[in-house]
Amino acid sequence: MAAYDSVATQFGVDPWILILAFVIALAWKFFWYGLALYKAIEKKHKTWFVVLVIGGGLAYFFNDLGILAIIYLILHKDKKGKKKI
């Protein structure tokens, strides 16, 4: 808690605000990585699955907030046919 206290003092906020922000960021990241991993398994994209698992682990050092997972989901989004009227 001491690290949060010093950072919170530096920014002039309550330490619990920083902890809450960290928890929200972590939940955001897990949501996107979970969704991307599910889609990679569903579509049998083994290479992307490995990249996402390794990227998710390395993200603790880089704190990417799920950017790699979001990129995967954008690149491999479901293509739905357009209905002609």
PDB file of N, CA and C in Angstrom:
ATOM      1  N   MET A   1       0.829  -1.199   0.000  1.00  0.00           N
ATOM      2  CA  MET A   1       0.000   0.000   0.000  1.00  0.00           C
ATOM      3  C   MET A   1       0.870   1.257   0.000  1.00  0.00           C
ATOM      4  N   ALA A   2       2.096   1.143   0.457  1.00  0.00           N
ATOM      5  CA  ALA A   2       2.977   2.310   0.544  1.00  0.00           C
ATOM      6  C   ALA A   2       3.257   2.896  -0.837  1.00  0.00           C
ATOM      7  N   ALA A   3       3.403   2.017  -1.843  1.00  0.00           N
ATOM      8  CA  ALA A   3       3.653   2.504  -3.198  1.00  0.00           C
ATOM      9  C   ALA A   3       2.449   3.300  -3.700  1.00  0.00           C
ATOM     10  N   TYR A   4       1.258   2.803  -3.422  1.00  0.00           N
ATOM     11  CA  TYR A   4       0.061   3.531  -3.846  1.00  0.00           C
ATOM     12  C   TYR A   4      -0.046   4.869  -3.115  1.00  0.00           C
ATOM     13  N   ASP A   5       0.351   4.880  -1.841  1.00  0.00           N
ATOM     14  CA  ASP A   5       0.295   6.127  -1.074  1.00  0.00           C
ATOM     15  C   ASP A   5       1.196   7.192  -1.673  1.00  0.00           C
ATOM     16  N   SER A   6       2.416   6.801  -2.031  1.00  0.00           N
ATOM     17  CA  SER A   6       3.350   7.798  -2.565  1.00  0.00           C
ATOM     18  C   SER A   6       2.897   8.295  -3.942  1.00  0.00           C
ATOM     19  N   VAL A   7       2.399   7.389  -4.782  1.00  0.00           N
ATOM     20  CA  VAL A   7       1.913   7.798  -6.103  1.00  0.00           C
ATOM     21  C   VAL A   7       0.659   8.652  -5.947  1.00  0.00           C
ATOM     22  N   ALA A   8      -0.231   8.244  -5.047  1.00  0.00           N
ATOM     23  CA  ALA A   8      -1.464   8.999  -4.820  1.00  0.00           C
ATOM     24  C   ALA A   8      -1.153  10.397  -4.307  1.00  0.00           C
ATOM     25  N   THR A   9      -0.180  10.505  -3.416  1.00  0.00           N
ATOM     26  CA  THR A   9       0.209  11.811  -2.890  1.00  0.00           C
ATOM     27  C   THR A   9       0.773  12.680  -4.008  1.00  0.00           C
ATOM     28  N   GLN A  10       1.560  12.058  -4.871  1.00  0.00           N
ATOM     29  CA  GLN A  10       2.161  12.805  -5.980  1.00  0.00           C
ATOM     30  C   GLN A  10       1.088  13.377  -6.919  1.00  0.00           C
ATOM     31  N   PHE A  11       0.015  12.598  -7.158  1.00  0.00           N
ATOM     32  CA  PHE A  11      -1.059  13.052  -8.040  1.00  0.00           C
ATOM     33  C   PHE A  11      -2.185  13.765  -7.293  1.00  0.00           C
ATOM     34  N   GLY A  12      -2.134  13.740  -5.974  1.00  0.00           N
ATOM     35  CA  GLY A  12      -3.145  14.429  -5.177  1.00  0.00           C
ATOM     36  C   GLY A  12      -4.490  13.731  -5.178  1.00  0.00           C
ATOM     37  N   VAL A  13      -4.500  12.382  -5.207  1.00  0.00           N
ATOM     38  CA  VAL A  13      -5.754  11.627  -5.156  1.00  0.00           C
ATOM     39  C   VAL A  13      -5.687  10.613  -4.021  1.00  0.00           C
ATOM     40  N   ASP A  14      -6.829  10.065  -3.691  1.00  0.00           N
ATOM     41  CA  ASP A  14      -6.918   9.030  -2.672  1.00  0.00           C
ATOM     42  C   ASP A  14      -6.296   7.729  -3.202  1.00  0.00           C
ATOM     43  N   PRO A  15      -5.524   7.005  -2.390  1.00  0.00           N
ATOM     44  CA  PRO A  15      -4.905   5.751  -2.856  1.00  0.00           C
ATOM     45  C   PRO A  15      -5.924   4.729  -3.358  1.00  0.00           C
ATOM     46  N   TRP A  16      -7.113   4.733  -2.781  1.00  0.00           N
ATOM     47  CA  TRP A  16      -8.125   3.763  -3.206  1.00  0.00           C
ATOM     48  C   TRP A  16      -8.612   4.051  -4.623  1.00  0.00           C
ATOM     49  N   ILE A  17      -8.523   5.293  -5.060  1.00  0.00           N
ATOM     50  CA  ILE A  17      -8.874   5.633  -6.450  1.00  0.00           C
ATOM     51  C   ILE A  17      -7.903   4.951  -7.409  1.00  0.00           C
ATOM     52  N   LEU A  18      -6.612   4.960  -7.064  1.00  0.00           N
ATOM     53  CA  LEU A  18      -5.619   4.300  -7.910  1.00  0.00           C
ATOM     54  C   LEU A  18      -5.835   2.793  -7.948  1.00  0.00           C
ATOM     55  N   ILE A  19      -6.154   2.218  -6.798  1.00  0.00           N
ATOM     56  CA  ILE A  19      -6.411   0.782  -6.751  1.00  0.00           C
ATOM     57  C   ILE A  19      -7.639   0.441  -7.578  1.00  0.00           C
ATOM     58  N   LEU A  20      -8.680   1.240  -7.480  1.00  0.00           N
ATOM     59  CA  LEU A  20      -9.903   1.024  -8.263  1.00  0.00           C
ATOM     60  C   LEU A  20      -9.617   1.146  -9.761  1.00  0.00           C
ATOM     61  N   ALA A  21      -8.823   2.140 -10.141  1.00  0.00           N
ATOM     62  CA  ALA A  21      -8.463   2.312 -11.551  1.00  0.00           C
ATOM     63  C   ALA A  21      -7.683   1.097 -12.055  1.00  0.00           C
ATOM     64  N   PHE A  22      -6.785   0.575 -11.233  1.00  0.00           N
ATOM     65  CA  PHE A  22      -6.015  -0.611 -11.600  1.00  0.00           C
ATOM     66  C   PHE A  22      -6.920  -1.823 -11.777  1.00  0.00           C
ATOM     67  N   VAL A  23      -7.863  -2.020 -10.879  1.00  0.00           N
ATOM     68  CA  VAL A  23      -8.796  -3.151 -10.962  1.00  0.00           C
ATOM     69  C   VAL A  23      -9.677  -3.032 -12.205  1.00  0.00           C
ATOM     70  N   ILE A  24     -10.145  -1.834 -12.508  1.00  0.00           N
ATOM     71  CA  ILE A  24     -10.972  -1.625 -13.698  1.00  0.00           C
ATOM     72  C   ILE A  24     -10.158  -1.917 -14.957  1.00  0.00           C
ATOM     73  N   ALA A  25      -8.915  -1.432 -15.003  1.00  0.00           N
ATOM     74  CA  ALA A  25      -8.057  -1.685 -16.162  1.00  0.00           C
ATOM     75  C   ALA A  25      -7.778  -3.175 -16.325  1.00  0.00           C
ATOM     76  N   LEU A  26      -7.580  -3.877 -15.228  1.00  0.00           N
ATOM     77  CA  LEU A  26      -7.341  -5.311 -15.273  1.00  0.00           C
ATOM     78  C   LEU A  26      -8.578  -6.065 -15.761  1.00  0.00           C
ATOM     79  N   ALA A  27      -9.757  -5.673 -15.286  1.00  0.00           N
ATOM     80  CA  ALA A  27     -11.002  -6.303 -15.739  1.00  0.00           C
ATOM     81  C   ALA A  27     -11.213  -6.053 -17.232  1.00  0.00           C
ATOM     82  N   TRP A  28     -10.935  -4.839 -17.696  1.00  0.00           N
ATOM     83  CA  TRP A  28     -11.044  -4.488 -19.115  1.00  0.00           C
ATOM     84  C   TRP A  28     -10.154  -5.406 -19.945  1.00  0.00           C
ATOM     85  N   LYS A  29      -8.908  -5.539 -19.498  1.00  0.00           N
ATOM     86  CA  LYS A  29      -7.939  -6.358 -20.224  1.00  0.00           C
ATOM     87  C   LYS A  29      -8.390  -7.819 -20.256  1.00  0.00           C
ATOM     88  N   PHE A  30      -8.803  -8.384 -19.128  1.00  0.00           N
ATOM     89  CA  PHE A  30      -9.223  -9.783 -19.089  1.00  0.00           C
ATOM     90  C   PHE A  30     -10.444 -10.032 -19.961  1.00  0.00           C
ATOM     91  N   PHE A  31     -11.351  -9.066 -20.019  1.00  0.00           N
ATOM     92  CA  PHE A  31     -12.528  -9.221 -20.876  1.00  0.00           C
ATOM     93  C   PHE A  31     -12.102  -9.375 -22.336  1.00  0.00           C
ATOM     94  N   TRP A  32     -11.258  -8.435 -22.823  1.00  0.00           N
ATOM     95  CA  TRP A  32     -10.859  -8.468 -24.226  1.00  0.00           C
ATOM     96  C   TRP A  32     -10.003  -9.686 -24.551  1.00  0.00           C
ATOM     97  N   TYR A  33      -9.083 -10.040 -23.675  1.00  0.00           N
ATOM     98  CA  TYR A  33      -8.262 -11.220 -23.936  1.00  0.00           C
ATOM     99  C   TYR A  33      -9.102 -12.491 -23.880  1.00  0.00           C
ATOM    100  N   GLY A  34     -10.039 -12.560 -22.949  1.00  0.00           N
ATOM    101  CA  GLY A  34     -10.918 -13.724 -22.883  1.00  0.00           C
ATOM    102  C   GLY A  34     -11.741 -13.881 -24.146  1.00  0.00           C
ATOM    103  N   LEU A  35     -12.305 -12.788 -24.621  1.00  0.00           N
ATOM    104  CA  LEU A  35     -13.099 -12.819 -25.846  1.00  0.00           C
ATOM    105  C   LEU A  35     -12.239 -13.209 -27.046  1.00  0.00           C
ATOM    106  N   ALA A  36     -11.055 -12.617 -27.149  1.00  0.00           N
ATOM    107  CA  ALA A  36     -10.170 -12.924 -28.283  1.00  0.00           C
ATOM    108  C   ALA A  36      -9.698 -14.376 -28.234  1.00  0.00           C
ATOM    109  N   LEU A  37      -9.366 -14.886 -27.059  1.00  0.00           N
ATOM    110  CA  LEU A  37      -8.941 -16.279 -26.949  1.00  0.00           C
ATOM    111  C   LEU A  37     -10.085 -17.224 -27.322  1.00  0.00           C
ATOM    112  N   TYR A  38     -11.287 -16.895 -26.891  1.00  0.00           N
ATOM    113  CA  TYR A  38     -12.454 -17.708 -27.245  1.00  0.00           C
ATOM    114  C   TYR A  38     -12.648 -17.742 -28.762  1.00  0.00           C
ATOM    115  N   LYS A  39     -12.571 -16.582 -29.395  1.00  0.00           N
ATOM    116  CA  LYS A  39     -12.745 -16.516 -30.855  1.00  0.00           C
ATOM    117  C   LYS A  39     -11.614 -17.246 -31.579  1.00  0.00           C
ATOM    118  N   ALA A  40     -10.381 -17.130 -31.080  1.00  0.00           N
ATOM    119  CA  ALA A  40      -9.254 -17.814 -31.713  1.00  0.00           C
ATOM    120  C   ALA A  40      -9.422 -19.324 -31.637  1.00  0.00           C
ATOM    121  N   ILE A  41      -9.910 -19.820 -30.515  1.00  0.00           N
ATOM    122  CA  ILE A  41     -10.162 -21.255 -30.379  1.00  0.00           C
ATOM    123  C   ILE A  41     -11.304 -21.667 -31.296  1.00  0.00           C
ATOM    124  N   GLU A  42     -12.374 -20.870 -31.303  1.00  0.00           N
ATOM    125  CA  GLU A  42     -13.550 -21.176 -32.120  1.00  0.00           C
ATOM    126  C   GLU A  42     -13.199 -21.242 -33.609  1.00  0.00           C
ATOM    127  N   LYS A  43     -12.322 -20.357 -34.062  1.00  0.00           N
ATOM    128  CA  LYS A  43     -11.963 -20.293 -35.475  1.00  0.00           C
ATOM    129  C   LYS A  43     -10.714 -21.113 -35.805  1.00  0.00           C
ATOM    130  N   LYS A  44     -10.184 -21.819 -34.806  1.00  0.00           N
ATOM    131  CA  LYS A  44      -9.002 -22.681 -34.976  1.00  0.00           C
ATOM    132  C   LYS A  44      -7.782 -21.898 -35.468  1.00  0.00           C
ATOM    133  N   HIS A  45      -7.585 -20.709 -34.922  1.00  0.00           N
ATOM    134  CA  HIS A  45      -6.409 -19.901 -35.226  1.00  0.00           C
ATOM    135  C   HIS A  45      -5.349 -20.180 -34.162  1.00  0.00           C
ATOM    136  N   LYS A  46      -4.602 -21.265 -34.352  1.00  0.00           N
ATOM    137  CA  LYS A  46      -3.631 -21.687 -33.343  1.00  0.00           C
ATOM    138  C   LYS A  46      -2.523 -20.658 -33.134  1.00  0.00           C
ATOM    139  N   THR A  47      -2.046 -20.080 -34.221  1.00  0.00           N
ATOM    140  CA  THR A  47      -0.966 -19.102 -34.109  1.00  0.00           C
ATOM    141  C   THR A  47      -1.424 -17.883 -33.316  1.00  0.00           C
ATOM    142  N   TRP A  48      -2.598 -17.387 -33.633  1.00  0.00           N
ATOM    143  CA  TRP A  48      -3.119 -16.233 -32.901  1.00  0.00           C
ATOM    144  C   TRP A  48      -3.352 -16.580 -31.437  1.00  0.00           C
ATOM    145  N   PHE A  49      -3.815 -17.801 -31.169  1.00  0.00           N
ATOM    146  CA  PHE A  49      -4.033 -18.215 -29.785  1.00  0.00           C
ATOM    147  C   PHE A  49      -2.733 -18.116 -29.001  1.00  0.00           C
ATOM    148  N   VAL A  50      -1.651 -18.649 -29.572  1.00  0.00           N
ATOM    149  CA  VAL A  50      -0.346 -18.609 -28.901  1.00  0.00           C
ATOM    150  C   VAL A  50       0.119 -17.163 -28.726  1.00  0.00           C
ATOM    151  N   VAL A  51      -0.037 -16.352 -29.772  1.00  0.00           N
ATOM    152  CA  VAL A  51       0.368 -14.945 -29.690  1.00  0.00           C
ATOM    153  C   VAL A  51      -0.413 -14.225 -28.590  1.00  0.00           C
ATOM    154  N   LEU A  52      -1.703 -14.497 -28.506  1.00  0.00           N
ATOM    155  CA  LEU A  52      -2.529 -13.850 -27.483  1.00  0.00           C
ATOM    156  C   LEU A  52      -2.162 -14.312 -26.075  1.00  0.00           C
ATOM    157  N   VAL A  53      -1.881 -15.602 -25.923  1.00  0.00           N
ATOM    158  CA  VAL A  53      -1.499 -16.105 -24.600  1.00  0.00           C
ATOM    159  C   VAL A  53      -0.167 -15.489 -24.182  1.00  0.00           C
ATOM    160  N   ILE A  54       0.807 -15.500 -25.084  1.00  0.00           N
ATOM    161  CA  ILE A  54       2.117 -14.915 -24.761  1.00  0.00           C
ATOM    162  C   ILE A  54       1.986 -13.402 -24.587  1.00  0.00           C
ATOM    163  N   GLY A  55       1.248 -12.768 -25.477  1.00  0.00           N
ATOM    164  CA  GLY A  55       1.043 -11.316 -25.379  1.00  0.00           C
ATOM    165  C   GLY A  55       0.321 -10.922 -24.105  1.00  0.00           C
ATOM    166  N   GLY A  56      -0.633 -11.726 -23.696  1.00  0.00           N
ATOM    167  CA  GLY A  56      -1.347 -11.448 -22.453  1.00  0.00           C
ATOM    168  C   GLY A  56      -0.440 -11.549 -21.246  1.00  0.00           C
ATOM    169  N   GLY A  57       0.487 -12.505 -21.278  1.00  0.00           N
ATOM    170  CA  GLY A  57       1.441 -12.642 -20.182  1.00  0.00           C
ATOM    171  C   GLY A  57       2.441 -11.505 -20.160  1.00  0.00           C
ATOM    172  N   LEU A  58       2.930 -11.115 -21.336  1.00  0.00           N
ATOM    173  CA  LEU A  58       3.893 -10.022 -21.405  1.00  0.00           C
ATOM    174  C   LEU A  58       3.243  -8.680 -21.118  1.00  0.00           C
ATOM    175  N   ALA A  59       1.915  -8.626 -21.267  1.00  0.00           N
ATOM    176  CA  ALA A  59       1.225  -7.365 -21.073  1.00  0.00           C
ATOM    177  C   ALA A  59       1.324  -6.869 -19.635  1.00  0.00           C
ATOM    178  N   TYR A  60       1.649  -7.756 -18.692  1.00  0.00           N
ATOM    179  CA  TYR A  60       1.857  -7.288 -17.328  1.00  0.00           C
ATOM    180  C   TYR A  60       3.046  -6.350 -17.269  1.00  0.00           C
ATOM    181  N   PHE A  61       3.998  -6.530 -18.172  1.00  0.00           N
ATOM    182  CA  PHE A  61       5.150  -5.645 -18.212  1.00  0.00           C
ATOM    183  C   PHE A  61       4.869  -4.414 -19.060  1.00  0.00           C
ATOM    184  N   PHE A  62       4.077  -4.563 -20.091  1.00  0.00           N
ATOM    185  CA  PHE A  62       3.827  -3.461 -21.011  1.00  0.00           C
ATOM    186  C   PHE A  62       2.478  -2.788 -20.783  1.00  0.00           C
ATOM    187  N   ASN A  63       1.576  -3.440 -20.070  1.00  0.00           N
ATOM    188  CA  ASN A  63       0.243  -2.910 -19.757  1.00  0.00           C
ATOM    189  C   ASN A  63      -0.463  -2.359 -20.989  1.00  0.00           C
ATOM    190  N   ASP A  64      -0.790  -3.253 -21.894  1.00  0.00           N
ATOM    191  CA  ASP A  64      -1.378  -2.844 -23.169  1.00  0.00           C
ATOM    192  C   ASP A  64      -2.890  -2.675 -23.128  1.00  0.00           C
ATOM    193  N   LEU A  65      -3.521  -2.968 -22.022  1.00  0.00           N
ATOM    194  CA  LEU A  65      -4.974  -2.831 -21.861  1.00  0.00           C
ATOM    195  C   LEU A  65      -5.781  -3.597 -22.906  1.00  0.00           C
ATOM    196  N   GLY A  66      -5.251  -4.704 -23.350  1.00  0.00           N
ATOM    197  CA  GLY A  66      -5.980  -5.558 -24.283  1.00  0.00           C
ATOM    198  C   GLY A  66      -5.907  -5.125 -25.724  1.00  0.00           C
ATOM    199  N   ILE A  67      -4.975  -4.272 -26.071  1.00  0.00           N
ATOM    200  CA  ILE A  67      -4.873  -3.762 -27.445  1.00  0.00           C
ATOM    201  C   ILE A  67      -4.629  -4.900 -28.431  1.00  0.00           C
ATOM    202  N   LEU A  68      -3.741  -5.839 -28.089  1.00  0.00           N
ATOM    203  CA  LEU A  68      -3.460  -6.967 -28.981  1.00  0.00           C
ATOM    204  C   LEU A  68      -4.726  -7.784 -29.226  1.00  0.00           C
ATOM    205  N   ALA A  69      -5.504  -8.022 -28.176  1.00  0.00           N
ATOM    206  CA  ALA A  69      -6.751  -8.769 -28.314  1.00  0.00           C
ATOM    207  C   ALA A  69      -7.750  -8.012 -29.176  1.00  0.00           C
ATOM    208  N   ILE A  70      -7.832  -6.714 -28.999  1.00  0.00           N
ATOM    209  CA  ILE A  70      -8.761  -5.911 -29.790  1.00  0.00           C
ATOM    210  C   ILE A  70      -8.345  -5.918 -31.266  1.00  0.00           C
ATOM    211  N   ILE A  71      -7.032  -5.853 -31.527  1.00  0.00           N
ATOM    212  CA  ILE A  71      -6.551  -5.924 -32.910  1.00  0.00           C
ATOM    213  C   ILE A  71      -6.946  -7.254 -33.540  1.00  0.00           C
ATOM    214  N   TYR A  72      -6.767  -8.357 -32.805  1.00  0.00           N
ATOM    215  CA  TYR A  72      -7.165  -9.665 -33.330  1.00  0.00           C
ATOM    216  C   TYR A  72      -8.655  -9.679 -33.656  1.00  0.00           C
ATOM    217  N   LEU A  73      -9.470  -9.189 -32.748  1.00  0.00           N
ATOM    218  CA  LEU A  73     -10.921  -9.213 -32.963  1.00  0.00           C
ATOM    219  C   LEU A  73     -11.327  -8.357 -34.164  1.00  0.00           C
ATOM    220  N   ILE A  74     -10.656  -7.252 -34.376  1.00  0.00           N
ATOM    221  CA  ILE A  74     -10.965  -6.406 -35.533  1.00  0.00           C
ATOM    222  C   ILE A  74     -10.553  -7.106 -36.828  1.00  0.00           C
ATOM    223  N   LEU A  75      -9.360  -7.700 -36.824  1.00  0.00           N
ATOM    224  CA  LEU A  75      -8.866  -8.354 -38.038  1.00  0.00           C
ATOM    225  C   LEU A  75      -9.677  -9.593 -38.416  1.00  0.00           C
ATOM    226  N   HIS A  76     -10.234 -10.267 -37.429  1.00  0.00           N
ATOM    227  CA  HIS A  76     -10.938 -11.525 -37.682  1.00  0.00           C
ATOM    228  C   HIS A  76     -12.396 -11.466 -37.244  1.00  0.00           C
ATOM    229  N   LYS A  77     -13.021 -10.316 -37.437  1.00  0.00           N
ATOM    230  CA  LYS A  77     -14.428 -10.218 -37.049  1.00  0.00           C
ATOM    231  C   LYS A  77     -15.284 -11.058 -37.986  1.00  0.00           C
ATOM    232  N   ASP A  78     -16.416 -11.493 -37.457  1.00  0.00           N
ATOM    233  CA  ASP A  78     -17.329 -12.315 -38.247  1.00  0.00           C
ATOM    234  C   ASP A  78     -17.874 -11.506 -39.406  1.00  0.00           C
ATOM    235  N   LYS A  79     -17.819 -12.111 -40.555  1.00  0.00           N
ATOM    236  CA  LYS A  79     -18.350 -11.450 -41.745  1.00  0.00           C
ATOM    237  C   LYS A  79     -19.772 -11.964 -41.972  1.00  0.00           C
ATOM    238  N   LYS A  80     -20.712 -11.071 -41.856  1.00  0.00           N
ATOM    239  CA  LYS A  80     -22.119 -11.456 -42.027  1.00  0.00           C
ATOM    240  C   LYS A  80     -22.571 -11.016 -43.410  1.00  0.00           C
ATOM    241  N   GLY A  81     -23.286 -11.906 -44.054  1.00  0.00           N
ATOM    242  CA  GLY A  81     -23.782 -11.589 -45.387  1.00  0.00           C
ATOM    243  C   GLY A  81     -24.844 -10.517 -45.346  1.00  0.00           C
ATOM    244  N   LYS A  82     -24.825  -9.657 -46.346  1.00  0.00           N
ATOM    245  CA  LYS A  82     -25.837  -8.603 -46.423  1.00  0.00           C
ATOM    246  C   LYS A  82     -27.041  -9.164 -47.158  1.00  0.00           C
ATOM    247  N   LYS A  83     -28.188  -8.880 -46.626  1.00  0.00           N
ATOM    248  CA  LYS A  83     -29.431  -9.341 -47.250  1.00  0.00           C
ATOM    249  C   LYS A  83     -29.850  -8.360 -48.330  1.00  0.00           C
ATOM    250  N   LYS A  84     -30.188  -8.903 -49.477  1.00  0.00           N
ATOM    251  CA  LYS A  84     -30.679  -8.044 -50.555  1.00  0.00           C
ATOM    252  C   LYS A  84     -32.189  -7.933 -50.437  1.00  0.00           C
ATOM    253  N   ILE A  85     -32.679  -6.749 -50.637  1.00  0.00           N
ATOM    254  CA  ILE A  85     -34.126  -6.521 -50.515  1.00  0.00           C
ATOM    255  C   ILE A  85     -34.743  -6.567 -51.888  1.00  0.00           C
TER     256      ILE A  85
END
